[in-house]
Amino acid sequence: MGKAKKKVFSAVKAVKSNARERVGTPPSERVLPDPKQKRINQPKYKETLANLMNKTGEEA
C-alpha cells in the first residue's frame, strides 16, 4: 500500500463544520415551483365578454 495523502487545511470547511456544531445542520432543500411552467399553464389572453356569454349559455 502507498502512503496516505495528506489532508490540506481548508478554512471554508473548518468554518462550516464549526457552524454545524453550534447551530446544527441546515434544513433540507426545498423545491421551488418553476415560474415558466406556471406561465405555460395559464391562457395567453383573457376571454372576451362575448366568449364568456356564449360559454355560459351552452353549459346551462
PDB file of N, CA and C in Angstrom:
ATOM      1  N   MET A   1       0.828  -1.175   0.000  1.00  0.00           N
ATOM      2  CA  MET A   1       0.000   0.000   0.000  1.00  0.00           C
ATOM      3  C   MET A   1       0.875   1.241   0.000  1.00  0.00           C
ATOM      4  N   GLY A   2       0.354   2.271  -0.711  1.00  0.00           N
ATOM      5  CA  GLY A   2       1.094   3.523  -0.770  1.00  0.00           C
ATOM      6  C   GLY A   2       0.809   4.388   0.433  1.00  0.00           C
ATOM      7  N   LYS A   3       1.483   5.526   0.461  1.00  0.00           N
ATOM      8  CA  LYS A   3       1.269   6.469   1.554  1.00  0.00           C
ATOM      9  C   LYS A   3      -0.110   7.112   1.441  1.00  0.00           C
ATOM     10  N   ALA A   4      -0.695   7.438   2.589  1.00  0.00           N
ATOM     11  CA  ALA A   4      -1.972   8.147   2.611  1.00  0.00           C
ATOM     12  C   ALA A   4      -1.729   9.606   2.254  1.00  0.00           C
ATOM     13  N   LYS A   5      -2.627  10.192   1.492  1.00  0.00           N
ATOM     14  CA  LYS A   5      -2.485  11.580   1.059  1.00  0.00           C
ATOM     15  C   LYS A   5      -2.729  12.510   2.248  1.00  0.00           C
ATOM     16  N   LYS A   6      -1.882  13.533   2.373  1.00  0.00           N
ATOM     17  CA  LYS A   6      -2.051  14.496   3.461  1.00  0.00           C
ATOM     18  C   LYS A   6      -3.308  15.317   3.241  1.00  0.00           C
ATOM     19  N   LYS A   7      -4.017  15.615   4.314  1.00  0.00           N
ATOM     20  CA  LYS A   7      -5.200  16.463   4.240  1.00  0.00           C
ATOM     21  C   LYS A   7      -4.761  17.922   4.253  1.00  0.00           C
ATOM     22  N   VAL A   8      -5.202  18.688   3.251  1.00  0.00           N
ATOM     23  CA  VAL A   8      -4.879  20.106   3.172  1.00  0.00           C
ATOM     24  C   VAL A   8      -5.929  20.869   3.966  1.00  0.00           C
ATOM     25  N   PHE A   9      -5.483  21.824   4.782  1.00  0.00           N
ATOM     26  CA  PHE A   9      -6.419  22.608   5.591  1.00  0.00           C
ATOM     27  C   PHE A   9      -7.236  23.531   4.698  1.00  0.00           C
ATOM     28  N   SER A  10      -8.541  23.502   4.906  1.00  0.00           N
ATOM     29  CA  SER A  10      -9.439  24.383   4.170  1.00  0.00           C
ATOM     30  C   SER A  10     -10.200  25.222   5.188  1.00  0.00           C
ATOM     31  N   ALA A  11     -10.058  26.535   5.081  1.00  0.00           N
ATOM     32  CA  ALA A  11     -10.724  27.436   6.028  1.00  0.00           C
ATOM     33  C   ALA A  11     -12.233  27.348   5.875  1.00  0.00           C
ATOM     34  N   VAL A  12     -12.717  27.181   4.653  1.00  0.00           N
ATOM     35  CA  VAL A  12     -14.161  27.107   4.409  1.00  0.00           C
ATOM     36  C   VAL A  12     -14.753  25.897   5.123  1.00  0.00           C
ATOM     37  N   LYS A  13     -14.102  24.749   4.978  1.00  0.00           N
ATOM     38  CA  LYS A  13     -14.609  23.538   5.630  1.00  0.00           C
ATOM     39  C   LYS A  13     -14.560  23.655   7.147  1.00  0.00           C
ATOM     40  N   ALA A  14     -13.519  24.308   7.658  1.00  0.00           N
ATOM     41  CA  ALA A  14     -13.396  24.486   9.105  1.00  0.00           C
ATOM     42  C   ALA A  14     -14.516  25.376   9.640  1.00  0.00           C
ATOM     43  N   VAL A  15     -14.817  26.460   8.930  1.00  0.00           N
ATOM     44  CA  VAL A  15     -15.871  27.382   9.365  1.00  0.00           C
ATOM     45  C   VAL A  15     -17.225  26.698   9.308  1.00  0.00           C
ATOM     46  N   LYS A  16     -17.475  25.945   8.229  1.00  0.00           N
ATOM     47  CA  LYS A  16     -18.761  25.257   8.093  1.00  0.00           C
ATOM     48  C   LYS A  16     -18.958  24.201   9.176  1.00  0.00           C
ATOM     49  N   SER A  17     -17.910  23.439   9.468  1.00  0.00           N
ATOM     50  CA  SER A  17     -18.048  22.410  10.495  1.00  0.00           C
ATOM     51  C   SER A  17     -18.266  23.041  11.867  1.00  0.00           C
ATOM     52  N   ASN A  18     -17.600  24.170  12.122  1.00  0.00           N
ATOM     53  CA  ASN A  18     -17.788  24.889  13.390  1.00  0.00           C
ATOM     54  C   ASN A  18     -19.230  25.389  13.511  1.00  0.00           C
ATOM     55  N   ALA A  19     -19.780  25.916  12.414  1.00  0.00           N
ATOM     56  CA  ALA A  19     -21.154  26.415  12.436  1.00  0.00           C
ATOM     57  C   ALA A  19     -22.143  25.274  12.640  1.00  0.00           C
ATOM     58  N   ARG A  20     -21.882  24.124  12.032  1.00  0.00           N
ATOM     59  CA  ARG A  20     -22.784  22.971  12.207  1.00  0.00           C
ATOM     60  C   ARG A  20     -22.807  22.502  13.653  1.00  0.00           C
ATOM     61  N   GLU A  21     -21.653  22.562  14.314  1.00  0.00           N
ATOM     62  CA  GLU A  21     -21.596  22.153  15.716  1.00  0.00           C
ATOM     63  C   GLU A  21     -22.413  23.100  16.598  1.00  0.00           C
ATOM     64  N   ARG A  22     -22.349  24.395  16.302  1.00  0.00           N
ATOM     65  CA  ARG A  22     -23.034  25.389  17.139  1.00  0.00           C
ATOM     66  C   ARG A  22     -24.531  25.482  16.847  1.00  0.00           C
ATOM     67  N   VAL A  23     -24.890  25.572  15.580  1.00  0.00           N
ATOM     68  CA  VAL A  23     -26.277  25.831  15.201  1.00  0.00           C
ATOM     69  C   VAL A  23     -27.016  24.551  14.856  1.00  0.00           C
ATOM     70  N   GLY A  24     -26.325  23.614  14.264  1.00  0.00           N
ATOM     71  CA  GLY A  24     -26.955  22.385  13.801  1.00  0.00           C
ATOM     72  C   GLY A  24     -26.960  22.358  12.287  1.00  0.00           C
ATOM     73  N   THR A  25     -27.354  21.235  11.739  1.00  0.00           N
ATOM     74  CA  THR A  25     -27.348  21.115  10.283  1.00  0.00           C
ATOM     75  C   THR A  25     -28.462  21.955   9.682  1.00  0.00           C
ATOM     76  N   PRO A  26     -28.256  22.505   8.503  1.00  0.00           N
ATOM     77  CA  PRO A  26     -29.291  23.321   7.864  1.00  0.00           C
ATOM     78  C   PRO A  26     -30.461  22.444   7.423  1.00  0.00           C
ATOM     79  N   PRO A  27     -31.658  23.021   7.267  1.00  0.00           N
ATOM     80  CA  PRO A  27     -32.801  22.220   6.815  1.00  0.00           C
ATOM     81  C   PRO A  27     -32.587  21.733   5.392  1.00  0.00           C
ATOM     82  N   SER A  28     -33.267  20.663   5.051  1.00  0.00           N
ATOM     83  CA  SER A  28     -33.111  20.100   3.715  1.00  0.00           C
ATOM     84  C   SER A  28     -33.631  21.074   2.662  1.00  0.00           C
ATOM     85  N   GLU A  29     -33.200  20.855   1.445  1.00  0.00           N
ATOM     86  CA  GLU A  29     -33.503  21.761   0.344  1.00  0.00           C
ATOM     87  C   GLU A  29     -34.981  21.691  -0.038  1.00  0.00           C
ATOM     88  N   ARG A  30     -35.591  22.860  -0.279  1.00  0.00           N
ATOM     89  CA  ARG A  30     -36.987  22.918  -0.720  1.00  0.00           C
ATOM     90  C   ARG A  30     -37.011  23.106  -2.225  1.00  0.00           C
ATOM     91  N   VAL A  31     -37.906  22.404  -2.874  1.00  0.00           N
ATOM     92  CA  VAL A  31     -38.036  22.543  -4.321  1.00  0.00           C
ATOM     93  C   VAL A  31     -39.030  23.660  -4.605  1.00  0.00           C
ATOM     94  N   LEU A  32     -38.585  24.682  -5.323  1.00  0.00           N
ATOM     95  CA  LEU A  32     -39.449  25.803  -5.659  1.00  0.00           C
ATOM     96  C   LEU A  32     -40.145  25.534  -6.989  1.00  0.00           C
ATOM     97  N   PRO A  33     -41.411  25.937  -7.112  1.00  0.00           N
ATOM     98  CA  PRO A  33     -42.098  25.724  -8.387  1.00  0.00           C
ATOM     99  C   PRO A  33     -41.456  26.553  -9.493  1.00  0.00           C
ATOM    100  N   ASP A  34     -41.437  26.005 -10.690  1.00  0.00           N
ATOM    101  CA  ASP A  34     -40.821  26.674 -11.831  1.00  0.00           C
ATOM    102  C   ASP A  34     -41.765  27.754 -12.352  1.00  0.00           C
ATOM    103  N   PRO A  35     -41.348  29.033 -12.382  1.00  0.00           N
ATOM    104  CA  PRO A  35     -42.254  30.100 -12.840  1.00  0.00           C
ATOM    105  C   PRO A  35     -42.621  29.964 -14.316  1.00  0.00           C
ATOM    106  N   LYS A  36     -41.737  29.397 -15.129  1.00  0.00           N
ATOM    107  CA  LYS A  36     -42.041  29.222 -16.552  1.00  0.00           C
ATOM    108  C   LYS A  36     -43.174  28.213 -16.737  1.00  0.00           C
ATOM    109  N   GLN A  37     -43.170  27.149 -15.951  1.00  0.00           N
ATOM    110  CA  GLN A  37     -44.218  26.135 -16.064  1.00  0.00           C
ATOM    111  C   GLN A  37     -45.571  26.723 -15.683  1.00  0.00           C
ATOM    112  N   LYS A  38     -45.593  27.600 -14.667  1.00  0.00           N
ATOM    113  CA  LYS A  38     -46.831  28.236 -14.247  1.00  0.00           C
ATOM    114  C   LYS A  38     -47.385  29.120 -15.359  1.00  0.00           C
ATOM    115  N   ARG A  39     -46.479  29.824 -16.056  1.00  0.00           N
ATOM    116  CA  ARG A  39     -46.884  30.716 -17.136  1.00  0.00           C
ATOM    117  C   ARG A  39     -47.447  29.916 -18.321  1.00  0.00           C
ATOM    118  N   ILE A  40     -46.899  28.736 -18.581  1.00  0.00           N
ATOM    119  CA  ILE A  40     -47.355  27.911 -19.704  1.00  0.00           C
ATOM    120  C   ILE A  40     -48.783  27.415 -19.456  1.00  0.00           C
ATOM    121  N   ASN A  41     -49.096  27.088 -18.216  1.00  0.00           N
ATOM    122  CA  ASN A  41     -50.412  26.537 -17.890  1.00  0.00           C
ATOM    123  C   ASN A  41     -51.530  27.571 -17.981  1.00  0.00           C
ATOM    124  N   GLN A  42     -51.203  28.861 -17.870  1.00  0.00           N
ATOM    125  CA  GLN A  42     -52.226  29.899 -17.919  1.00  0.00           C
ATOM    126  C   GLN A  42     -52.534  30.254 -19.370  1.00  0.00           C
ATOM    127  N   PRO A  43     -53.778  30.645 -19.647  1.00  0.00           N
ATOM    128  CA  PRO A  43     -54.093  31.058 -21.024  1.00  0.00           C
ATOM    129  C   PRO A  43     -53.346  32.345 -21.376  1.00  0.00           C
ATOM    130  N   LYS A  44     -53.034  32.495 -22.654  1.00  0.00           N
ATOM    131  CA  LYS A  44     -52.247  33.650 -23.094  1.00  0.00           C
ATOM    132  C   LYS A  44     -53.081  34.932 -23.052  1.00  0.00           C
ATOM    133  N   TYR A  45     -54.339  34.831 -23.419  1.00  0.00           N
ATOM    134  CA  TYR A  45     -55.217  36.003 -23.451  1.00  0.00           C
ATOM    135  C   TYR A  45     -56.432  35.758 -22.572  1.00  0.00           C
ATOM    136  N   LYS A  46     -56.979  36.830 -22.015  1.00  0.00           N
ATOM    137  CA  LYS A  46     -58.216  36.727 -21.247  1.00  0.00           C
ATOM    138  C   LYS A  46     -59.368  36.492 -22.217  1.00  0.00           C
ATOM    139  N   GLU A  47     -60.389  35.790 -21.737  1.00  0.00           N
ATOM    140  CA  GLU A  47     -61.547  35.539 -22.599  1.00  0.00           C
ATOM    141  C   GLU A  47     -62.373  36.809 -22.739  1.00  0.00           C
ATOM    142  N   THR A  48     -62.918  37.011 -23.923  1.00  0.00           N
ATOM    143  CA  THR A  48     -63.731  38.201 -24.165  1.00  0.00           C
ATOM    144  C   THR A  48     -65.110  38.000 -23.559  1.00  0.00           C
ATOM    145  N   LEU A  49     -65.836  39.087 -23.409  1.00  0.00           N
ATOM    146  CA  LEU A  49     -67.176  39.034 -22.840  1.00  0.00           C
ATOM    147  C   LEU A  49     -68.094  38.178 -23.704  1.00  0.00           C
ATOM    148  N   ALA A  50     -67.974  38.305 -25.037  1.00  0.00           N
ATOM    149  CA  ALA A  50     -68.812  37.516 -25.940  1.00  0.00           C
ATOM    150  C   ALA A  50     -68.537  36.031 -25.758  1.00  0.00           C
ATOM    151  N   ASN A  51     -67.271  35.652 -25.644  1.00  0.00           N
ATOM    152  CA  ASN A  51     -66.938  34.237 -25.444  1.00  0.00           C
ATOM    153  C   ASN A  51     -67.473  33.726 -24.107  1.00  0.00           C
ATOM    154  N   LEU A  52     -67.366  34.546 -23.071  1.00  0.00           N
ATOM    155  CA  LEU A  52     -67.868  34.137 -21.757  1.00  0.00           C
ATOM    156  C   LEU A  52     -69.386  33.946 -21.786  1.00  0.00           C
ATOM    157  N   MET A  53     -70.094  34.852 -22.462  1.00  0.00           N
ATOM    158  CA  MET A  53     -71.556  34.746 -22.532  1.00  0.00           C
ATOM    159  C   MET A  53     -71.962  33.514 -23.337  1.00  0.00           C
ATOM    160  N   ASN A  54     -71.289  33.231 -24.439  1.00  0.00           N
ATOM    161  CA  ASN A  54     -71.602  32.048 -25.236  1.00  0.00           C
ATOM    162  C   ASN A  54     -71.323  30.778 -24.463  1.00  0.00           C
ATOM    163  N   LYS A  55     -70.230  30.754 -23.723  1.00  0.00           N
ATOM    164  CA  LYS A  55     -69.856  29.565 -22.969  1.00  0.00           C
ATOM    165  C   LYS A  55     -70.880  29.267 -21.873  1.00  0.00           C
ATOM    166  N   THR A  56     -71.320  30.296 -21.147  1.00  0.00           N
ATOM    167  CA  THR A  56     -72.267  30.096 -20.059  1.00  0.00           C
ATOM    168  C   THR A  56     -73.628  29.680 -20.613  1.00  0.00           C
ATOM    169  N   GLY A  57     -73.988  30.156 -21.783  1.00  0.00           N
ATOM    170  CA  GLY A  57     -75.251  29.777 -22.402  1.00  0.00           C
ATOM    171  C   GLY A  57     -75.259  28.319 -22.816  1.00  0.00           C
ATOM    172  N   GLU A  58     -74.112  27.790 -23.273  1.00  0.00           N
ATOM    173  CA  GLU A  58     -74.022  26.401 -23.711  1.00  0.00           C
ATOM    174  C   GLU A  58     -74.070  25.445 -22.521  1.00  0.00           C
ATOM    175  N   GLU A  59     -73.446  25.836 -21.425  1.00  0.00           N
ATOM    176  CA  GLU A  59     -73.362  24.935 -20.264  1.00  0.00           C
ATOM    177  C   GLU A  59     -74.690  24.871 -19.523  1.00  0.00           C
ATOM    178  N   ALA A  60     -75.450  25.921 -19.496  1.00  0.00           N
ATOM    179  CA  ALA A  60     -76.679  25.971 -18.707  1.00  0.00           C
ATOM    180  C   ALA A  60     -77.808  25.229 -19.321  1.00  0.00           C
TER     181      ALA A  60
END
